[in-house]
């Protein structure tokens, strides 16, 4: 089964064998993770789609039209068409449509549609069930995932050992965190909380792992109890003496297979479960066991998002090293890019090598988005051998990348002009206009001052206003939360349009949160532009202020390409921000560079002209 057509055919035969009229295939694992291990990459295996968010619905009867569909959001509308064969799948956009709506319109009357309850949330399952029931059908939880039945060379889950994350990096002991959860459970008159999100487990126990590329987590579950104890369910081969000593007597280590029996043992107990982070199977197991389930946010989520002073300083330290690495890369790119010998893949490899040389790089924080020319217009583009383009003189290049360091997780996007040899400043008036509008939005958000209690969606317009004025926009959020040597996309905070009930947009921004600031513009078939820095929410001391106010500290320190800026569109205040920002870049990054590198940096940090 080397072709995706053959895999689709094999799946349909397995669905028929199981008596199903269709099946839903998400990008997910048992922990509702954004990035998943190879063993859980079922959607990529079936369809070829390489994005981090998407779902396929396959109907068993291949004669139906459509007989299958791919659902992606605005980040992947171009990518899905490049990677998924339109002969076999219809392309659907969310949130404009939904799987529930599509099945309600296209599933046969009385259809039995299968789903893996360990890969979907309870709310999703309820919505789809209702849509199918309206057509006399049903959503059926499968005993064995039919993809797994036909995926003959499916990888096994990672056996890598779990790692201790020292208190000197975490800034707070696991015991203190567990005591806070214990107090919360007692206040809510609850007996236990199910912690199933991998980054929540990592934060709570001060552990990290090597089980998922780009995210340092260990496959496991936790039951946290009101008495301050906890149970960690994890494969025995992952447990080291160091881990056992670190967790102490208050954390009992159990094999991963003991998790479901432990849930079944909570009969009569009041148990907290997060419907956004726990799969439907966990709810079903608890309810069938007779537990009283309280649907509430995972109690680690907000404390994890509000970074303590040690985490904040650790992130600054990581950003300093990362900024030096990216600056060296940009200098290399400025010299090598115009030669016509650099490709998207070789550029991404070079950037990773510069990061590795900077010291203490454990992994990238996501697959580098290296987009030359029209590929830059694919928002979450993932370069492959088939799509790899050469960076051409006289073109726009977008690179979105990040590193995982023990003291911080970075994420930065820079858009640069690949000039002709000896002459950098030749972008068109249109490109400079679009870039400058994106820059103005970036600066507006970076300079924002707002009252305590402000939510992410209330700030989103600041970044879009100059694009909107020209009848332009971008189809992704403006800012996402970022973890501390954890997930590069971390909730609950988010800066985005509130339409469609996007998760996190109603979360108030709290001092200590990390977010990205990344407006963009994308011209299909031509180029993409994005400027991304990470920021820290911090208190603002305003004389005479009535109430408490907040603002942002910009954490990312890498020069922004002045060759793409139309200075006539910038206000004196915006030019002042540029000067102040680049002075900080020179102050922090300059001392890490050699004489020639520093001379280059000084030139690139001059005001745009």
Protein backbone atom coordinates (compact mmCIF):
# COMPACT_ATOMS: atom_id res chain seq x y z
CA UNK A 1 0.00 0.00 0.00
CA UNK A 2 2.48 2.58 -1.19
CA UNK A 3 -0.10 4.96 -2.66
CA UNK A 4 -2.68 6.98 -0.79
CA UNK A 5 -5.32 5.64 -3.15
CA UNK A 6 -4.46 2.08 -2.12
CA UNK A 7 -4.55 3.04 1.55
CA UNK A 8 -7.96 4.65 1.13
CA UNK A 9 -9.23 1.52 -0.59
CA UNK A 10 -7.86 -0.69 2.21
CA UNK A 11 -9.54 1.49 4.81
CA UNK A 12 -12.88 1.26 3.04
CA UNK A 13 -12.64 -2.53 2.98
CA UNK A 14 -11.89 -2.56 6.72
CA UNK A 15 -14.84 -0.23 7.41
CA UNK A 16 -17.12 -2.59 5.52
CA UNK A 17 -15.75 -5.51 7.54
CA UNK A 18 -16.56 -3.64 10.77
CA UNK A 19 -20.06 -2.81 9.53
CA UNK A 20 -19.41 0.94 9.34
CA UNK A 21 -20.63 3.41 6.72
CA UNK A 22 -17.79 5.82 7.34
CA UNK A 23 -14.99 6.86 9.67
CA UNK A 24 -13.47 10.09 10.96
CA UNK A 25 -9.67 10.46 10.94
CA UNK A 26 -8.21 13.38 12.92
CA UNK A 27 -4.66 14.52 13.63
CA UNK A 28 -4.71 13.64 17.31
CA UNK A 29 -3.52 11.24 19.97
CA UNK A 30 -4.93 10.04 23.29
CA UNK A 31 -3.97 13.36 24.84
CA UNK A 32 -5.57 15.76 22.33
CA UNK A 33 -2.08 16.95 21.39
CA UNK A 34 -1.41 19.38 18.56
CA UNK A 35 1.82 17.65 17.59
CA UNK A 36 1.73 13.86 17.84
CA UNK A 37 4.19 10.99 17.73
CA UNK A 38 4.73 8.94 14.59
CA UNK A 39 2.46 6.16 15.85
CA UNK A 40 -0.48 8.61 15.85
CA UNK A 41 0.10 10.17 12.41
CA UNK A 42 -2.89 8.36 10.94
CA UNK A 43 -4.12 11.26 8.83
CA UNK A 44 -0.73 11.80 7.19
CA UNK A 45 -0.44 8.07 6.43
CA UNK A 46 -3.90 7.94 4.89
CA UNK A 47 -3.97 11.21 2.91
CA UNK A 48 -0.46 12.66 2.68
CA UNK A 49 -1.47 15.83 4.56
CA UNK A 50 1.44 17.14 6.60
CA UNK A 51 -0.16 20.01 8.54
CA UNK A 52 -0.64 20.08 12.31
CA UNK A 53 -4.44 20.52 12.24
CA UNK A 54 -6.93 18.74 10.03
CA UNK A 55 -9.46 15.91 9.82
CA UNK A 56 -10.66 13.56 7.10
CA UNK A 57 -14.05 11.92 6.82
CA UNK A 58 -14.19 8.78 4.69
CA UNK A 59 -17.48 7.21 3.63
CA UNK A 60 -17.36 3.49 2.94
CA UNK A 61 -19.28 3.69 -0.35
CA UNK A 62 -16.78 5.08 -2.87
CA UNK A 63 -19.54 5.72 -5.42
CA UNK A 64 -20.97 8.56 -3.35
CA UNK A 65 -20.14 12.11 -4.37
CA UNK A 66 -18.34 13.27 -2.37
CA UNK A 67 -17.19 10.01 -0.78
CA UNK A 68 -14.56 11.65 1.42
CA UNK A 69 -13.59 15.13 2.58
CA UNK A 70 -10.64 16.94 4.15
CA UNK A 71 -11.33 19.65 6.74
CA UNK A 72 -8.70 22.33 7.41
CA UNK A 73 -8.64 25.91 8.65
CA UNK A 74 -7.35 29.01 6.86
CA UNK A 75 -3.69 28.16 7.54
CA UNK A 76 -3.84 25.12 5.29
CA UNK A 77 -6.19 26.00 2.43
CA UNK A 78 -3.29 26.00 -0.06
CA UNK A 79 -1.24 23.23 1.50
CA UNK A 80 -4.10 20.73 1.55
CA UNK A 81 -4.55 21.11 -2.20
CA UNK A 82 -0.88 20.41 -2.80
CA UNK A 83 -0.73 17.33 -0.58
CA UNK A 84 -4.16 15.69 -0.70
CA UNK A 85 -5.51 14.29 -3.98
CA UNK A 86 -8.65 16.16 -5.01
CA UNK A 87 -9.84 13.13 -6.98
CA UNK A 88 -10.58 11.35 -3.72
CA UNK A 89 -11.27 14.12 -1.20
CA UNK A 90 -13.42 17.24 -1.27
CA UNK A 91 -11.77 20.25 0.40
CA UNK A 92 -13.72 21.82 3.26
CA UNK A 93 -12.84 24.92 5.28
CA UNK A 94 -13.46 25.38 8.99
CA UNK A 95 -14.98 27.14 10.82
CA UNK A 96 -17.12 27.96 7.79
CA UNK A 97 -18.35 24.38 7.89
CA UNK A 98 -17.94 21.49 10.32
CA UNK A 99 -17.73 17.72 10.28
CA UNK A 100 -21.11 17.52 11.99
CA UNK A 101 -22.72 19.69 9.34
CA UNK A 102 -21.03 17.82 6.49
CA UNK A 103 -22.10 14.42 7.79
CA UNK A 104 -25.59 15.76 8.34
CA UNK A 105 -25.72 16.63 4.65
CA UNK A 106 -23.70 13.82 3.03
CA UNK A 107 -23.84 10.68 5.19
CA UNK A 108 -26.34 8.10 3.93
CA UNK A 109 -29.65 7.84 5.78
CA UNK A 110 -29.21 5.57 8.79
CA UNK A 111 -25.41 5.60 8.47
CA UNK A 112 -23.19 4.15 11.20
CA UNK A 113 -20.15 6.45 11.28
CA UNK A 114 -17.20 5.19 13.29
CA UNK A 115 -14.84 7.21 15.44
CA UNK A 116 -12.04 6.47 17.88
CA UNK A 117 -13.18 7.81 21.26
CA UNK A 118 -9.52 8.06 22.35
CA UNK A 119 -8.86 10.66 19.63
CA UNK A 120 -11.84 13.04 19.90
CA UNK A 121 -13.32 15.34 22.50
CA UNK A 122 -16.68 14.79 24.13
CA UNK A 123 -18.20 17.98 22.72
CA UNK A 124 -17.23 16.99 19.19
CA UNK A 125 -18.76 13.55 19.64
CA UNK A 126 -22.01 15.02 20.97
CA UNK A 127 -22.36 17.45 18.04
CA UNK A 128 -21.69 14.77 15.41
CA UNK A 129 -24.03 12.29 17.12
CA UNK A 130 -26.87 14.79 16.97
CA UNK A 131 -26.28 15.48 13.28
CA UNK A 132 -26.31 11.78 12.46
CA UNK A 133 -29.32 11.03 14.64
CA UNK A 134 -31.27 13.61 12.66
CA UNK A 135 -30.71 11.35 9.64
CA UNK A 136 -31.54 8.17 11.55
CA UNK A 137 -27.85 7.33 11.89
CA UNK A 138 -25.41 6.94 14.75
CA UNK A 139 -21.85 7.76 15.77
CA UNK A 140 -20.17 4.52 16.80
CA UNK A 141 -17.11 4.25 19.05
CA UNK A 142 -14.87 1.58 17.51
CA UNK A 143 -13.13 -1.04 19.61
CA UNK A 144 -10.08 -0.94 17.33
CA UNK A 145 -9.12 1.96 15.11
CA UNK A 146 -9.59 0.72 11.51
CA UNK A 147 -6.56 2.72 10.36
CA UNK A 148 -4.42 0.67 12.74
CA UNK A 149 -5.87 -2.51 11.27
CA UNK A 150 -4.58 -1.68 7.77
CA UNK A 151 -1.44 0.35 8.59
CA UNK A 152 0.98 -2.56 8.42
CA UNK A 153 4.22 -0.73 9.25
CA UNK A 154 2.79 1.64 11.86
CA UNK A 155 5.53 2.84 14.24
CA UNK A 156 5.41 1.90 17.90
CA UNK A 157 5.13 4.63 20.54
CA UNK A 158 8.47 6.06 21.63
CA UNK A 159 10.25 4.10 24.40
CA UNK A 160 12.44 7.07 25.40
CA UNK A 161 12.95 7.72 29.09
CA UNK A 162 11.18 10.59 30.86
CA UNK A 163 13.53 13.38 31.97
CA UNK A 164 13.65 15.47 35.14
CA UNK A 165 13.19 19.23 34.62
CA UNK A 166 15.16 20.85 37.40
CA UNK A 167 13.64 23.28 39.89
CA UNK A 168 16.33 25.78 38.84
CA UNK A 169 14.63 25.89 35.43
CA UNK A 170 11.02 25.40 36.54
CA UNK A 171 11.17 28.06 39.25
CA UNK A 172 8.76 26.09 41.46
CA UNK A 173 8.81 22.57 42.84
CA UNK A 174 6.41 19.87 41.73
CA UNK A 175 5.35 19.51 45.34
CA UNK A 176 4.29 23.15 45.49
CA UNK A 177 2.35 22.78 42.25
CA UNK A 178 0.60 19.63 43.46
CA UNK A 179 -0.28 21.31 46.75
CA UNK A 180 -1.92 24.15 44.80
CA UNK A 181 -3.96 21.61 42.81
CA UNK A 182 -4.88 19.87 46.07
CA UNK A 183 -6.15 23.15 47.53
CA UNK A 184 -8.19 23.82 44.39
CA UNK A 185 -9.74 20.34 44.53
CA UNK A 186 -10.64 20.86 48.19
CA UNK A 187 -12.23 24.25 47.45
CA UNK A 188 -14.30 22.67 44.66
CA UNK A 189 -15.22 19.71 46.89
CA UNK A 190 -13.64 17.35 44.37
CA UNK A 191 -11.76 14.13 45.00
CA UNK A 192 -9.50 14.05 41.96
CA UNK A 193 -8.60 15.63 38.65
CA UNK A 194 -7.69 13.84 35.43
CA UNK A 195 -4.63 15.44 33.84
CA UNK A 196 -4.28 14.01 30.35
CA UNK A 197 -2.67 16.84 28.32
CA UNK A 198 1.01 16.00 27.98
CA UNK A 199 2.29 19.53 28.57
CA UNK A 200 0.10 19.81 31.69
CA UNK A 201 1.65 16.62 33.07
CA UNK A 202 5.14 17.85 32.22
CA UNK A 203 4.52 21.16 34.00
CA UNK A 204 2.84 19.65 37.06
CA UNK A 205 5.51 17.04 37.75
CA UNK A 206 8.50 19.06 36.45
CA UNK A 207 9.37 16.40 33.93
CA UNK A 208 10.04 16.49 30.22
CA UNK A 209 10.32 13.80 27.57
CA UNK A 210 11.40 12.75 24.10
CA UNK A 211 8.25 11.07 22.81
CA UNK A 212 6.97 13.73 20.43
CA UNK A 213 9.16 15.56 17.92
CA UNK A 214 9.36 19.29 18.58
CA UNK A 215 7.59 19.07 21.98
CA UNK A 216 9.56 17.74 24.99
CA UNK A 217 6.87 15.61 26.65
CA UNK A 218 6.50 12.02 27.85
CA UNK A 219 3.46 9.88 26.98
CA UNK A 220 1.60 9.47 30.27
CA UNK A 221 -1.49 10.29 32.31
CA UNK A 222 -1.89 11.72 35.81
CA UNK A 223 -4.60 11.43 38.43
CA UNK A 224 -4.14 14.23 40.97
CA UNK A 225 -5.90 13.72 44.31
CA UNK A 226 -7.23 16.12 46.91
CA UNK A 227 -4.77 14.85 49.50
CA UNK A 228 -1.83 16.14 47.45
CA UNK A 229 -0.80 12.75 46.10
CA UNK A 230 -0.86 11.77 42.46
CA UNK A 231 -0.54 8.73 40.23
CA UNK A 232 1.59 8.83 37.10
CA UNK A 233 0.63 6.26 34.47
CA UNK A 234 3.62 5.72 32.20
CA UNK A 235 5.32 2.88 30.34
CA UNK A 236 7.82 1.17 32.70
CA UNK A 237 10.70 1.53 30.24
CA UNK A 238 10.42 5.30 30.59
CA UNK A 239 10.99 5.26 34.35
CA UNK A 240 14.56 5.85 35.56
CA UNK A 241 15.92 5.89 39.12
CA UNK A 242 16.41 9.63 38.74
CA UNK A 243 12.73 10.08 37.84
CA UNK A 244 11.63 7.96 40.80
CA UNK A 245 13.78 9.98 43.22
CA UNK A 246 12.53 13.24 41.74
CA UNK A 247 8.85 12.36 42.11
CA UNK A 248 9.18 11.06 45.67
CA UNK A 249 6.72 9.02 47.68
CA UNK A 250 3.72 11.27 47.01
CA UNK A 251 3.61 10.31 43.32
CA UNK A 252 2.86 6.64 42.69
CA UNK A 253 4.18 5.34 39.37
CA UNK A 254 1.88 2.90 37.58
CA UNK A 255 2.07 1.30 34.12
CA UNK A 256 0.19 3.15 31.40
CA UNK A 257 -2.22 0.21 31.00
CA UNK A 258 -3.42 0.78 34.58
CA UNK A 259 -4.99 4.15 33.69
CA UNK A 260 -8.40 2.85 32.56
CA UNK A 261 -8.76 0.51 35.58
CA UNK A 262 -7.87 3.47 37.82
CA UNK A 263 -10.65 5.53 36.22
CA UNK A 264 -13.04 2.62 36.73
CA UNK A 265 -12.08 2.62 40.40
CA UNK A 266 -13.39 6.17 40.94
CA UNK A 267 -17.00 5.07 41.46
CA UNK A 268 -18.85 7.60 43.60
CA UNK A 269 -15.94 10.09 43.46
CA UNK A 270 -16.23 13.67 42.24
CA UNK A 271 -13.72 14.02 39.41
CA UNK A 272 -12.64 17.09 37.40
CA UNK A 273 -12.05 16.56 33.67
CA UNK A 274 -11.28 19.20 31.04
CA UNK A 275 -13.54 18.75 27.98
CA UNK A 276 -11.06 20.66 25.79
CA UNK A 277 -8.08 18.51 26.74
CA UNK A 278 -9.47 15.08 27.61
CA UNK A 279 -10.81 12.63 25.06
CA UNK A 280 -14.37 11.31 24.97
CA UNK A 281 -13.23 7.85 26.12
CA UNK A 282 -12.14 9.25 29.49
CA UNK A 283 -15.57 10.75 30.10
CA UNK A 284 -17.30 7.55 28.99
CA UNK A 285 -15.16 5.40 31.27
CA UNK A 286 -15.79 7.59 34.31
CA UNK A 287 -19.52 7.87 33.66
CA UNK A 288 -19.89 4.12 33.16
CA UNK A 289 -17.98 3.55 36.39
CA UNK A 290 -20.41 5.75 38.33
CA UNK A 291 -18.11 8.69 39.01
CA UNK A 292 -19.52 12.22 39.25
CA UNK A 293 -17.76 14.17 36.50
CA UNK A 294 -17.31 17.93 36.70
CA UNK A 295 -16.40 19.46 33.34
CA UNK A 296 -13.94 22.23 34.06
CA UNK A 297 -10.64 23.58 32.78
CA UNK A 298 -7.56 21.55 33.65
CA UNK A 299 -6.34 23.27 36.86
CA UNK A 300 -2.74 23.38 35.59
CA UNK A 301 -3.55 25.37 32.45
CA UNK A 302 -3.62 28.91 33.80
CA UNK A 303 -0.73 28.53 36.30
CA UNK A 304 1.33 27.01 33.48
CA UNK A 305 0.54 29.95 31.21
CA UNK A 306 1.52 32.58 33.80
CA UNK A 307 5.29 32.22 33.91
CA UNK A 308 7.16 32.81 37.16
CA UNK A 309 10.23 35.08 37.30
CA UNK A 310 12.65 32.16 36.82
CA UNK A 311 10.83 31.05 33.66
CA UNK A 312 10.70 34.62 32.38
CA UNK A 313 14.43 35.13 32.81
CA UNK A 314 15.15 31.71 31.38
CA UNK A 315 13.19 32.67 28.29
CA UNK A 316 15.16 35.90 27.92
CA UNK A 317 18.37 33.89 28.14
CA UNK A 318 17.13 31.45 25.50
CA UNK A 319 16.06 34.33 23.27
CA UNK A 320 19.50 35.89 23.50
CA UNK A 321 21.19 32.71 22.24
CA UNK A 322 18.48 32.11 19.66
CA UNK A 323 18.63 35.71 18.44
CA UNK A 324 22.37 35.42 17.86
CA UNK A 325 21.85 32.20 15.89
CA UNK A 326 19.10 33.65 13.70
CA UNK A 327 21.10 36.84 13.13
CA UNK A 328 24.09 34.80 11.97
CA UNK A 329 21.77 32.90 9.66
CA UNK A 330 20.38 36.12 8.16
CA UNK A 331 23.89 37.37 7.53
CA UNK A 332 24.73 34.06 5.81
CA UNK A 333 21.49 34.23 3.82
CA UNK A 334 22.18 37.78 2.67
CA UNK A 335 25.49 36.60 1.24
CA UNK A 336 24.43 33.21 -0.14
CA UNK A 337 20.80 33.79 -1.12
CA UNK A 338 21.48 35.88 -4.25
CA UNK A 339 23.79 33.20 -5.69
CA UNK A 340 20.85 31.04 -6.74
CA UNK A 341 22.33 28.04 -4.93
CA UNK A 342 20.24 28.14 -1.74
CA UNK A 343 17.03 26.13 -1.56
CA UNK A 344 14.24 26.17 1.01
CA UNK A 345 15.57 22.93 2.47
CA UNK A 346 19.22 23.99 2.55
CA UNK A 347 18.22 27.29 4.18
CA UNK A 348 16.25 25.47 6.87
CA UNK A 349 19.18 23.11 7.45
CA UNK A 350 21.59 26.04 7.73
CA UNK A 351 19.36 27.78 10.26
CA UNK A 352 19.17 24.63 12.37
CA UNK A 353 22.95 24.33 12.28
CA UNK A 354 23.38 27.94 13.44
CA UNK A 355 21.02 27.17 16.33
CA UNK A 356 22.93 24.02 17.18
CA UNK A 357 26.17 25.98 17.29
CA UNK A 358 24.61 28.48 19.68
CA UNK A 359 24.58 25.84 22.44
CA UNK A 360 22.02 23.78 24.36
CA UNK A 361 19.55 23.30 21.52
CA UNK A 362 17.47 20.20 22.32
CA UNK A 363 15.18 20.27 19.29
CA UNK A 364 13.36 22.65 17.00
CA UNK A 365 10.07 23.86 18.46
CA UNK A 366 8.28 23.01 15.18
CA UNK A 367 9.22 22.10 11.63
CA UNK A 368 10.77 25.19 10.06
CA UNK A 369 8.50 27.00 7.62
CA UNK A 370 10.92 27.92 4.83
CA UNK A 371 8.92 29.50 2.02
CA UNK A 372 10.48 31.06 -1.08
CA UNK A 373 8.37 33.20 -3.37
CA UNK A 374 4.90 31.66 -3.84
CA UNK A 375 5.53 28.97 -1.22
CA UNK A 376 5.72 31.74 1.37
CA UNK A 377 2.03 32.39 0.72
CA UNK A 378 1.20 28.96 2.18
CA UNK A 379 0.74 30.00 5.81
CA UNK A 380 1.97 26.79 7.45
CA UNK A 381 4.02 25.57 4.50
CA UNK A 382 6.14 22.49 5.06
CA UNK A 383 8.92 22.05 2.55
CA UNK A 384 9.43 18.63 0.98
CA UNK A 385 11.57 17.18 -1.78
CA UNK A 386 8.66 17.68 -4.16
CA UNK A 387 8.01 21.35 -3.30
CA UNK A 388 11.58 22.50 -2.57
CA UNK A 389 12.26 25.80 -4.39
CA UNK A 390 15.47 27.68 -4.97
CA UNK A 391 15.64 31.16 -3.47
CA UNK A 392 15.71 33.41 -6.50
CA UNK A 393 17.35 36.86 -6.65
CA UNK A 394 14.66 39.53 -6.62
CA UNK A 395 12.15 37.59 -4.48
CA UNK A 396 10.63 37.45 -1.02
CA UNK A 397 11.62 34.70 1.41
CA UNK A 398 9.70 33.88 4.61
CA UNK A 399 11.20 31.76 7.39
CA UNK A 400 9.25 30.86 10.55
CA UNK A 401 11.25 28.80 13.02
CA UNK A 402 12.01 28.16 16.65
CA UNK A 403 14.15 26.23 19.09
CA UNK A 404 13.60 24.15 22.21
CA UNK A 405 16.12 25.04 24.91
CA UNK A 406 16.01 23.84 28.55
CA UNK A 407 15.32 27.41 29.66
CA UNK A 408 12.87 28.48 26.94
CA UNK A 409 10.94 27.83 23.76
CA UNK A 410 11.40 30.28 20.88
CA UNK A 411 9.34 31.12 17.80
CA UNK A 412 10.29 33.81 15.29
CA UNK A 413 9.32 34.74 11.74
CA UNK A 414 11.37 36.98 9.50
CA UNK A 415 10.57 37.96 5.92
CA UNK A 416 13.57 39.07 3.89
CA UNK A 417 14.33 40.34 0.42
CA UNK A 418 16.66 38.16 -1.63
CA UNK A 419 18.37 40.84 -3.68
CA UNK A 420 20.42 40.58 -6.82
CA UNK A 421 24.17 40.22 -6.12
CA UNK A 422 25.47 43.47 -4.70
CA UNK A 423 22.07 45.15 -4.61
CA UNK A 424 19.50 44.27 -1.93
CA UNK A 425 16.92 47.07 -2.21
CA UNK A 426 14.80 46.24 -5.22
CA UNK A 427 11.42 44.99 -3.94
CA UNK A 428 8.38 46.29 -5.78
CA UNK A 429 6.27 49.13 -4.44
CA UNK A 430 3.48 46.62 -3.73
CA UNK A 431 5.71 44.32 -1.69
CA UNK A 432 7.07 47.23 0.33
CA UNK A 433 3.56 48.56 0.92
CA UNK A 434 2.31 45.18 2.17
CA UNK A 435 5.36 44.58 4.33
CA UNK A 436 5.13 48.02 5.89
CA UNK A 437 1.43 47.59 6.67
CA UNK A 438 2.26 44.31 8.42
CA UNK A 439 5.08 46.06 10.28
CA UNK A 440 2.80 48.90 11.38
CA UNK A 441 0.33 46.37 12.77
CA UNK A 442 3.12 44.54 14.54
CA UNK A 443 4.34 47.78 16.12
CA UNK A 444 0.81 48.80 17.13
CA UNK A 445 0.36 45.56 19.04
CA UNK A 446 3.85 45.71 20.54
CA UNK A 447 3.14 49.22 21.87
CA UNK A 448 -0.36 48.45 23.14
CA UNK A 449 -1.32 49.48 26.65
CA UNK A 450 -4.55 47.98 27.95
CA UNK A 451 -6.51 47.64 31.20
CA UNK A 452 -6.33 44.50 33.27
CA UNK A 453 -9.12 42.17 32.20
CA UNK A 454 -8.58 42.74 28.47
CA UNK A 455 -9.03 39.60 26.38
CA UNK A 456 -7.00 38.59 23.35
CA UNK A 457 -9.74 39.25 20.81
CA UNK A 458 -9.96 42.88 21.94
CA UNK A 459 -6.41 43.52 20.75
CA UNK A 460 -6.51 41.67 17.44
CA UNK A 461 -7.72 44.65 15.41
CA UNK A 462 -4.60 46.62 16.35
CA UNK A 463 -2.49 44.31 14.20
CA UNK A 464 -4.93 44.17 11.28
CA UNK A 465 -6.00 47.82 11.01
CA UNK A 466 -3.49 48.95 8.38
CA UNK A 467 -4.15 45.93 6.19
CA UNK A 468 -7.90 46.40 6.55
CA UNK A 469 -7.52 50.02 5.45
CA UNK A 470 -6.21 48.69 2.13
CA UNK A 471 -8.84 45.96 1.85
CA UNK A 472 -6.43 43.21 2.95
CA UNK A 473 -6.33 40.63 5.74
CA UNK A 474 -4.75 37.33 6.83
CA UNK A 475 -6.47 34.03 7.65
CA UNK A 476 -4.77 33.13 10.93
CA UNK A 477 -4.62 34.38 14.48
CA UNK A 478 -2.34 37.22 15.49
CA UNK A 479 -0.91 35.66 18.62
CA UNK A 480 -0.70 32.34 20.46
CA UNK A 481 0.62 31.40 23.87
CA UNK A 482 4.06 29.80 24.19
CA UNK A 483 5.32 27.34 26.80
CA UNK A 484 8.48 27.21 28.87
CA UNK A 485 10.51 24.40 27.28
CA UNK A 486 7.12 22.98 26.33
CA UNK A 487 4.55 23.46 23.58
CA UNK A 488 5.24 26.25 21.11
CA UNK A 489 1.44 26.68 20.90
CA UNK A 490 0.12 26.90 24.45
CA UNK A 491 -3.25 28.00 25.78
CA UNK A 492 -5.39 29.41 27.12
CA UNK A 493 -4.41 32.91 25.89
CA UNK A 494 -4.73 33.85 22.25
CA UNK A 495 -4.92 37.03 20.16
CA UNK A 496 -7.33 36.44 17.28
CA UNK A 497 -10.71 37.32 15.89
CA UNK A 498 -13.48 36.17 18.20
CA UNK A 499 -15.66 34.89 15.35
CA UNK A 500 -16.44 31.20 15.43
CA UNK A 501 -15.81 30.88 19.16
CA UNK A 502 -12.07 30.32 18.71
CA UNK A 503 -10.58 28.89 21.88
CA UNK A 504 -8.66 31.35 24.03
CA UNK A 505 -9.85 34.59 22.49
CA UNK A 506 -11.97 35.36 25.59
CA UNK A 507 -9.13 34.61 28.02
CA UNK A 508 -7.95 37.76 29.75
CA UNK A 509 -4.26 38.51 29.37
CA UNK A 510 -2.37 38.24 32.65
CA UNK A 511 1.08 39.53 33.56
CA UNK A 512 3.55 36.68 33.04
CA UNK A 513 1.97 35.22 29.91
CA UNK A 514 4.03 34.71 26.76
CA UNK A 515 2.39 35.35 23.39
CA UNK A 516 3.43 35.74 19.80
CA UNK A 517 2.88 38.95 17.82
CA UNK A 518 2.65 37.81 14.19
CA UNK A 519 0.51 39.69 11.68
CA UNK A 520 1.04 38.77 8.03
CA UNK A 521 -0.09 39.08 4.45
CA UNK A 522 -0.15 36.39 1.77
CA UNK A 523 -0.58 36.83 -1.97
CA UNK A 524 -1.44 33.46 -3.45
CA UNK A 525 1.03 32.37 -6.09
CA UNK A 526 3.40 35.26 -5.39
CA UNK A 527 4.78 35.74 -1.86
CA UNK A 528 4.09 35.68 1.85
CA UNK A 529 4.92 38.20 4.58
CA UNK A 530 4.94 37.67 8.33
CA UNK A 531 6.77 39.44 11.15
CA UNK A 532 6.76 37.51 14.42
CA UNK A 533 8.26 38.29 17.80
CA UNK A 534 7.38 36.76 21.15
CA UNK A 535 6.20 39.12 23.89
CA UNK A 536 5.67 38.99 27.63
CA UNK A 537 2.60 40.53 29.26
CA UNK A 538 3.86 42.87 31.97
CA UNK A 539 2.42 45.54 34.29
CA UNK A 540 2.43 49.16 33.06
CA UNK A 541 2.94 51.90 35.62
CA UNK A 542 0.90 54.87 34.36
CA UNK A 543 0.83 57.99 36.50
CA UNK A 544 -2.72 58.83 37.47
CA UNK A 545 -4.12 55.61 36.00
CA UNK A 546 -7.51 54.55 37.27
CA UNK A 547 -7.01 50.83 37.68
CA UNK A 548 -4.26 48.44 36.67
CA UNK A 549 -2.81 48.46 33.16
CA UNK A 550 -0.67 46.05 31.17
CA UNK A 551 1.59 46.11 28.12
CA UNK A 552 4.13 43.93 26.34
CA UNK A 553 7.86 43.40 26.65
CA UNK A 554 9.22 42.26 23.29
CA UNK A 555 11.44 39.23 23.90
CA UNK A 556 12.63 38.25 20.42
CA UNK A 557 15.76 40.14 19.33
CA UNK A 558 16.61 39.81 15.63
CA UNK A 559 16.82 42.62 13.05
CA UNK A 560 13.87 43.30 10.75
CA UNK A 561 14.72 43.74 7.07
CA UNK A 562 14.70 47.48 6.28
CA UNK A 563 14.94 46.76 2.52
CA UNK A 564 11.23 45.89 2.59
CA UNK A 565 10.09 49.01 4.44
CA UNK A 566 8.41 52.03 2.85
CA UNK A 567 9.50 54.68 5.32
CA UNK A 568 6.95 57.18 4.02
CA UNK A 569 4.21 55.01 5.57
CA UNK A 570 5.78 55.07 9.05
CA UNK A 571 4.94 57.66 11.70
CA UNK A 572 7.62 59.21 13.93
CA UNK A 573 6.38 57.00 16.77
CA UNK A 574 6.79 53.88 14.65
CA UNK A 575 10.29 54.90 13.59
CA UNK A 576 11.02 55.49 17.28
CA UNK A 577 9.91 51.93 18.06
CA UNK A 578 12.15 50.65 15.27
CA UNK A 579 15.17 52.53 16.66
CA UNK A 580 14.53 51.41 20.24
CA UNK A 581 13.98 47.79 19.22
CA UNK A 582 17.13 47.60 17.12
CA UNK A 583 19.16 49.30 19.83
CA UNK A 584 18.13 46.42 22.12
CA UNK A 585 19.05 43.91 19.43
CA UNK A 586 22.52 45.44 19.22
CA UNK A 587 22.88 45.60 23.00
CA UNK A 588 21.94 41.95 23.62
CA UNK A 589 23.03 40.20 20.44
CA UNK A 590 26.07 42.28 19.48
CA UNK A 591 28.37 41.05 22.29
CA UNK A 592 27.81 37.43 21.17
CA UNK A 593 29.11 38.11 17.65
CA UNK A 594 32.60 38.43 16.22
CA UNK A 595 33.82 41.72 14.76
CA UNK A 596 32.61 41.13 11.21
CA UNK A 597 29.25 39.81 12.38
CA UNK A 598 28.77 42.77 14.69
CA UNK A 599 29.57 45.22 11.89
CA UNK A 600 26.89 43.55 9.79
CA UNK A 601 24.40 43.72 12.67
CA UNK A 602 25.06 47.41 13.22
CA UNK A 603 24.31 48.06 9.57
CA UNK A 604 21.09 46.05 9.68
CA UNK A 605 19.91 47.83 12.83
CA UNK A 606 20.10 51.32 11.34
CA UNK A 607 16.81 53.21 10.83
CA UNK A 608 15.03 52.40 7.54
CA UNK A 609 15.72 54.90 4.81
